[in-house]
Amino acid sequence: GRDGCAGRVEVFFRGTWSTVCNSTW
């Protein structure tokens, strides 16, 4: 996104970065 307050949601968990599904977002 344009800065750290916009963009694709990514989570660091169990040692790696992953994306978040929008099925319940």
PDB file of all heavy atoms in Angstrom:
ATOM      1  N   GLY A   1       0.831  -1.211   0.000  1.00  0.00           N
ATOM      2  CA  GLY A   1       0.000   0.000   0.000  1.00  0.00           C
ATOM      3  C   GLY A   1       0.855   1.247   0.000  1.00  0.00           C
ATOM      4  O   GLY A   1       2.075   1.184  -0.081  1.00  0.00           O
ATOM      5  N   ARG A   2       0.210   2.393   0.159  1.00  0.00           N
ATOM      6  CA  ARG A   2       0.957   3.661   0.103  1.00  0.00           C
ATOM      7  C   ARG A   2       1.833   3.844   1.345  1.00  0.00           C
ATOM      8  O   ARG A   2       2.823   4.558   1.314  1.00  0.00           O
ATOM      9  CB  ARG A   2      -0.010   4.840  -0.066  1.00  0.00           C
ATOM     10  CG  ARG A   2      -0.986   4.960   1.089  1.00  0.00           C
ATOM     11  CD  ARG A   2      -1.826   6.218   1.093  1.00  0.00           C
ATOM     12  NE  ARG A   2      -2.514   6.289   2.369  1.00  0.00           N
ATOM     13  CZ  ARG A   2      -3.744   5.817   2.554  1.00  0.00           C
ATOM     14  NH1 ARG A   2      -4.406   5.269   1.559  1.00  0.00           N
ATOM     15  NH2 ARG A   2      -4.302   5.887   3.752  1.00  0.00           N
ATOM     16  N   ASP A   3       1.450   3.226   2.448  1.00  0.00           N
ATOM     17  CA  ASP A   3       2.283   3.276   3.661  1.00  0.00           C
ATOM     18  C   ASP A   3       1.911   2.076   4.520  1.00  0.00           C
ATOM     19  O   ASP A   3       1.186   1.185   4.072  1.00  0.00           O
ATOM     20  CB  ASP A   3       2.105   4.615   4.413  1.00  0.00           C
ATOM     21  CG  ASP A   3       0.692   4.813   4.964  1.00  0.00           C
ATOM     22  OD1 ASP A   3      -0.085   3.838   5.034  1.00  0.00           O
ATOM     23  OD2 ASP A   3       0.374   5.960   5.358  1.00  0.00           O
ATOM     24  N   GLY A   4       2.393   2.054   5.746  1.00  0.00           N
ATOM     25  CA  GLY A   4       2.148   0.905   6.616  1.00  0.00           C
ATOM     26  C   GLY A   4       0.731   0.775   7.130  1.00  0.00           C
ATOM     27  O   GLY A   4       0.429  -0.135   7.901  1.00  0.00           O
ATOM     28  N   CYS A   5      -0.170   1.678   6.711  1.00  0.00           N
ATOM     29  CA  CYS A   5      -1.567   1.636   7.147  1.00  0.00           C
ATOM     30  C   CYS A   5      -2.511   1.221   6.018  1.00  0.00           C
ATOM     31  O   CYS A   5      -3.724   1.397   6.118  1.00  0.00           O
ATOM     32  CB  CYS A   5      -1.983   2.989   7.713  1.00  0.00           C
ATOM     33  SG  CYS A   5      -1.230   3.335   9.330  1.00  0.00           S
ATOM     34  N   ALA A   6      -1.959   0.665   4.944  1.00  0.00           N
ATOM     35  CA  ALA A   6      -2.796   0.205   3.830  1.00  0.00           C
ATOM     36  C   ALA A   6      -2.072  -0.928   3.103  1.00  0.00           C
ATOM     37  O   ALA A   6      -0.847  -0.906   2.996  1.00  0.00           O
ATOM     38  CB  ALA A   6      -3.068   1.346   2.863  1.00  0.00           C
ATOM     39  N   GLY A   7      -2.844  -1.903   2.640  1.00  0.00           N
ATOM     40  CA  GLY A   7      -2.236  -2.950   1.826  1.00  0.00           C
ATOM     41  C   GLY A   7      -2.765  -4.331   2.130  1.00  0.00           C
ATOM     42  O   GLY A   7      -3.790  -4.497   2.804  1.00  0.00           O
ATOM     43  N   ARG A   8      -2.057  -5.318   1.621  1.00  0.00           N
ATOM     44  CA  ARG A   8      -2.416  -6.720   1.856  1.00  0.00           C
ATOM     45  C   ARG A   8      -2.016  -7.101   3.287  1.00  0.00           C
ATOM     46  O   ARG A   8      -0.929  -6.766   3.751  1.00  0.00           O
ATOM     47  CB  ARG A   8      -1.681  -7.614   0.848  1.00  0.00           C
ATOM     48  CG  ARG A   8      -2.083  -9.077   0.938  1.00  0.00           C
ATOM     49  CD  ARG A   8      -1.441  -9.934  -0.152  1.00  0.00           C
ATOM     50  NE  ARG A   8      -0.010  -9.731  -0.203  1.00  0.00           N
ATOM     51  CZ  ARG A   8       0.638  -9.234  -1.257  1.00  0.00           C
ATOM     52  NH1 ARG A   8      -0.004  -8.904  -2.357  1.00  0.00           N
ATOM     53  NH2 ARG A   8       1.935  -9.074  -1.205  1.00  0.00           N
ATOM     54  N   VAL A   9      -2.909  -7.815   3.991  1.00  0.00           N
ATOM     55  CA  VAL A   9      -2.647  -8.206   5.382  1.00  0.00           C
ATOM     56  C   VAL A   9      -1.710  -9.418   5.401  1.00  0.00           C
ATOM     57  O   VAL A   9      -2.001 -10.445   4.785  1.00  0.00           O
ATOM     58  CB  VAL A   9      -3.964  -8.564   6.109  1.00  0.00           C
ATOM     59  CG1 VAL A   9      -3.676  -8.933   7.562  1.00  0.00           C
ATOM     60  CG2 VAL A   9      -4.960  -7.404   6.028  1.00  0.00           C
ATOM     61  N   GLU A  10      -0.594  -9.283   6.102  1.00  0.00           N
ATOM     62  CA  GLU A  10       0.357 -10.389   6.243  1.00  0.00           C
ATOM     63  C   GLU A  10       0.647 -10.601   7.724  1.00  0.00           C
ATOM     64  O   GLU A  10       0.748  -9.646   8.494  1.00  0.00           O
ATOM     65  CB  GLU A  10       1.640 -10.090   5.462  1.00  0.00           C
ATOM     66  CG  GLU A  10       1.380  -9.975   3.961  1.00  0.00           C
ATOM     67  CD  GLU A  10       2.602  -9.614   3.128  1.00  0.00           C
ATOM     68  OE1 GLU A  10       3.666  -9.338   3.712  1.00  0.00           O
ATOM     69  OE2 GLU A  10       2.470  -9.612   1.878  1.00  0.00           O
ATOM     70  N   VAL A  11       0.742 -11.868   8.113  1.00  0.00           N
ATOM     71  CA  VAL A  11       0.975 -12.222   9.517  1.00  0.00           C
ATOM     72  C   VAL A  11       2.264 -13.024   9.640  1.00  0.00           C
ATOM     73  O   VAL A  11       2.518 -13.927   8.836  1.00  0.00           O
ATOM     74  CB  VAL A  11      -0.224 -13.019  10.108  1.00  0.00           C
ATOM     75  CG1 VAL A  11      -0.552 -14.262   9.288  1.00  0.00           C
ATOM     76  CG2 VAL A  11       0.037 -13.405  11.577  1.00  0.00           C
ATOM     77  N   PHE A  12       3.084 -12.665  10.628  1.00  0.00           N
ATOM     78  CA  PHE A  12       4.285 -13.444  10.947  1.00  0.00           C
ATOM     79  C   PHE A  12       3.911 -14.424  12.048  1.00  0.00           C
ATOM     80  O   PHE A  12       3.478 -14.034  13.132  1.00  0.00           O
ATOM     81  CB  PHE A  12       5.414 -12.532  11.429  1.00  0.00           C
ATOM     82  CG  PHE A  12       6.700 -13.267  11.686  1.00  0.00           C
ATOM     83  CD1 PHE A  12       7.519 -13.642  10.631  1.00  0.00           C
ATOM     84  CD2 PHE A  12       7.085 -13.590  12.975  1.00  0.00           C
ATOM     85  CE1 PHE A  12       8.708 -14.335  10.861  1.00  0.00           C
ATOM     86  CE2 PHE A  12       8.264 -14.283  13.220  1.00  0.00           C
ATOM     87  CZ  PHE A  12       9.083 -14.648  12.151  1.00  0.00           C
ATOM     88  N   PHE A  13       4.020 -15.710  11.757  1.00  0.00           N
ATOM     89  CA  PHE A  13       3.575 -16.743  12.696  1.00  0.00           C
ATOM     90  C   PHE A  13       4.371 -18.015  12.421  1.00  0.00           C
ATOM     91  O   PHE A  13       4.582 -18.385  11.273  1.00  0.00           O
ATOM     92  CB  PHE A  13       2.077 -16.990  12.485  1.00  0.00           C
ATOM     93  CG  PHE A  13       1.468 -18.038  13.378  1.00  0.00           C
ATOM     94  CD1 PHE A  13       1.469 -17.891  14.756  1.00  0.00           C
ATOM     95  CD2 PHE A  13       0.901 -19.179  12.844  1.00  0.00           C
ATOM     96  CE1 PHE A  13       0.904 -18.838  15.581  1.00  0.00           C
ATOM     97  CE2 PHE A  13       0.332 -20.146  13.661  1.00  0.00           C
ATOM     98  CZ  PHE A  13       0.341 -19.973  15.032  1.00  0.00           C
ATOM     99  N   ARG A  14       4.839 -18.662  13.494  1.00  0.00           N
ATOM    100  CA  ARG A  14       5.655 -19.877  13.372  1.00  0.00           C
ATOM    101  C   ARG A  14       6.849 -19.685  12.443  1.00  0.00           C
ATOM    102  O   ARG A  14       7.181 -20.550  11.641  1.00  0.00           O
ATOM    103  CB  ARG A  14       4.794 -21.065  12.944  1.00  0.00           C
ATOM    104  CG  ARG A  14       3.767 -21.394  14.030  1.00  0.00           C
ATOM    105  CD  ARG A  14       2.948 -22.638  13.816  1.00  0.00           C
ATOM    106  NE  ARG A  14       1.978 -22.722  14.910  1.00  0.00           N
ATOM    107  CZ  ARG A  14       0.850 -23.408  14.869  1.00  0.00           C
ATOM    108  NH1 ARG A  14       0.529 -24.107  13.806  1.00  0.00           N
ATOM    109  NH2 ARG A  14       0.047 -23.420  15.915  1.00  0.00           N
ATOM    110  N   GLY A  15       7.452 -18.506  12.557  1.00  0.00           N
ATOM    111  CA  GLY A  15       8.723 -18.268  11.878  1.00  0.00           C
ATOM    112  C   GLY A  15       8.630 -17.845  10.426  1.00  0.00           C
ATOM    113  O   GLY A  15       9.654 -17.748   9.753  1.00  0.00           O
ATOM    114  N   THR A  16       7.418 -17.572   9.901  1.00  0.00           N
ATOM    115  CA  THR A  16       7.315 -17.211   8.495  1.00  0.00           C
ATOM    116  C   THR A  16       6.166 -16.223   8.271  1.00  0.00           C
ATOM    117  O   THR A  16       5.243 -16.147   9.076  1.00  0.00           O
ATOM    118  CB  THR A  16       7.113 -18.482   7.625  1.00  0.00           C
ATOM    119  OG1 THR A  16       7.094 -18.099   6.258  1.00  0.00           O
ATOM    120  CG2 THR A  16       5.840 -19.212   7.955  1.00  0.00           C
ATOM    121  N   TRP A  17       6.237 -15.458   7.185  1.00  0.00           N
ATOM    122  CA  TRP A  17       5.162 -14.532   6.826  1.00  0.00           C
ATOM    123  C   TRP A  17       4.127 -15.260   5.983  1.00  0.00           C
ATOM    124  O   TRP A  17       4.485 -16.012   5.076  1.00  0.00           O
ATOM    125  CB  TRP A  17       5.702 -13.323   6.071  1.00  0.00           C
ATOM    126  CG  TRP A  17       6.417 -12.363   6.963  1.00  0.00           C
ATOM    127  CD1 TRP A  17       7.771 -12.283   7.175  1.00  0.00           C
ATOM    128  CD2 TRP A  17       5.829 -11.351   7.796  1.00  0.00           C
ATOM    129  NE1 TRP A  17       8.043 -11.287   8.086  1.00  0.00           N
ATOM    130  CE2 TRP A  17       6.886 -10.702   8.478  1.00  0.00           C
ATOM    131  CE3 TRP A  17       4.513 -10.943   8.023  1.00  0.00           C
ATOM    132  CZ2 TRP A  17       6.664  -9.659   9.377  1.00  0.00           C
ATOM    133  CZ3 TRP A  17       4.291  -9.902   8.918  1.00  0.00           C
ATOM    134  CH2 TRP A  17       5.353  -9.273   9.586  1.00  0.00           C
ATOM    135  N   SER A  18       2.843 -15.060   6.269  1.00  0.00           N
ATOM    136  CA  SER A  18       1.739 -15.676   5.539  1.00  0.00           C
ATOM    137  C   SER A  18       0.691 -14.615   5.230  1.00  0.00           C
ATOM    138  O   SER A  18       0.680 -13.545   5.841  1.00  0.00           O
ATOM    139  CB  SER A  18       1.087 -16.779   6.384  1.00  0.00           C
ATOM    140  OG  SER A  18       2.019 -17.813   6.661  1.00  0.00           O
ATOM    141  N   THR A  19      -0.211 -14.930   4.285  1.00  0.00           N
ATOM    142  CA  THR A  19      -1.319 -14.019   3.999  1.00  0.00           C
ATOM    143  C   THR A  19      -2.537 -14.441   4.823  1.00  0.00           C
ATOM    144  O   THR A  19      -2.564 -15.508   5.435  1.00  0.00           O
ATOM    145  CB  THR A  19      -1.684 -14.011   2.497  1.00  0.00           C
ATOM    146  OG1 THR A  19      -1.714 -15.343   2.020  1.00  0.00           O
ATOM    147  CG2 THR A  19      -0.687 -13.215   1.699  1.00  0.00           C
ATOM    148  N   VAL A  20      -3.544 -13.577   4.840  1.00  0.00           N
ATOM    149  CA  VAL A  20      -4.773 -13.806   5.599  1.00  0.00           C
ATOM    150  C   VAL A  20      -5.915 -13.949   4.593  1.00  0.00           C
ATOM    151  O   VAL A  20      -6.023 -13.151   3.652  1.00  0.00           O
ATOM    152  CB  VAL A  20      -5.032 -12.632   6.572  1.00  0.00           C
ATOM    153  CG1 VAL A  20      -6.397 -12.760   7.250  1.00  0.00           C
ATOM    154  CG2 VAL A  20      -3.913 -12.575   7.619  1.00  0.00           C
ATOM    155  N   CYS A  21      -6.752 -14.969   4.770  1.00  0.00           N
ATOM    156  CA  CYS A  21      -7.866 -15.209   3.840  1.00  0.00           C
ATOM    157  C   CYS A  21      -9.005 -14.229   4.125  1.00  0.00           C
ATOM    158  O   CYS A  21      -9.292 -13.934   5.284  1.00  0.00           O
ATOM    159  CB  CYS A  21      -8.391 -16.630   4.013  1.00  0.00           C
ATOM    160  SG  CYS A  21      -7.116 -17.868   3.764  1.00  0.00           S
ATOM    161  N   ASN A  22      -9.696 -13.782   3.056  1.00  0.00           N
ATOM    162  CA  ASN A  22     -10.772 -12.809   3.271  1.00  0.00           C
ATOM    163  C   ASN A  22     -12.136 -13.469   3.469  1.00  0.00           C
ATOM    164  O   ASN A  22     -13.149 -12.786   3.535  1.00  0.00           O
ATOM    165  CB  ASN A  22     -10.813 -11.780   2.139  1.00  0.00           C
ATOM    166  CG  ASN A  22     -11.360 -12.335   0.835  1.00  0.00           C
ATOM    167  OD1 ASN A  22     -11.552 -13.547   0.696  1.00  0.00           O
ATOM    168  ND2 ASN A  22     -11.583 -11.462  -0.130  1.00  0.00           N
ATOM    169  N   SER A  23     -12.156 -14.798   3.599  1.00  0.00           N
ATOM    170  CA  SER A  23     -13.439 -15.498   3.759  1.00  0.00           C
ATOM    171  C   SER A  23     -14.167 -15.083   5.035  1.00  0.00           C
ATOM    172  O   SER A  23     -15.396 -15.126   5.093  1.00  0.00           O
ATOM    173  CB  SER A  23     -13.222 -17.016   3.741  1.00  0.00           C
ATOM    174  OG  SER A  23     -12.151 -17.375   4.580  1.00  0.00           O
ATOM    175  N   THR A  24     -13.447 -14.682   6.061  1.00  0.00           N
ATOM    176  CA  THR A  24     -14.076 -14.201   7.304  1.00  0.00           C
ATOM    177  C   THR A  24     -13.528 -12.817   7.671  1.00  0.00           C
ATOM    178  O   THR A  24     -13.463 -12.456   8.845  1.00  0.00           O
ATOM    179  CB  THR A  24     -13.828 -15.172   8.480  1.00  0.00           C
ATOM    180  OG1 THR A  24     -12.409 -15.378   8.611  1.00  0.00           O
ATOM    181  CG2 THR A  24     -14.502 -16.518   8.248  1.00  0.00           C
ATOM    182  N   TRP A  25     -13.091 -12.064   6.676  1.00  0.00           N
ATOM    183  CA  TRP A  25     -12.456 -10.755   6.922  1.00  0.00           C
ATOM    184  C   TRP A  25     -13.494  -9.649   6.764  1.00  0.00           C
ATOM    185  O   TRP A  25     -13.777  -9.181   5.667  1.00  0.00           O
ATOM    186  CB  TRP A  25     -11.297 -10.562   5.947  1.00  0.00           C
ATOM    187  CG  TRP A  25     -10.470  -9.336   6.213  1.00  0.00           C
ATOM    188  CD1 TRP A  25     -10.438  -8.193   5.470  1.00  0.00           C
ATOM    189  CD2 TRP A  25      -9.548  -9.135   7.285  1.00  0.00           C
ATOM    190  NE1 TRP A  25      -9.561  -7.277   6.030  1.00  0.00           N
ATOM    191  CE2 TRP A  25      -8.999  -7.839   7.146  1.00  0.00           C
ATOM    192  CE3 TRP A  25      -9.146  -9.920   8.378  1.00  0.00           C
ATOM    193  CZ2 TRP A  25      -8.069  -7.318   8.029  1.00  0.00           C
ATOM    194  CZ3 TRP A  25      -8.218  -9.398   9.257  1.00  0.00           C
ATOM    195  CH2 TRP A  25      -7.690  -8.118   9.092  1.00  0.00           C
TER     196      TRP A  25
END
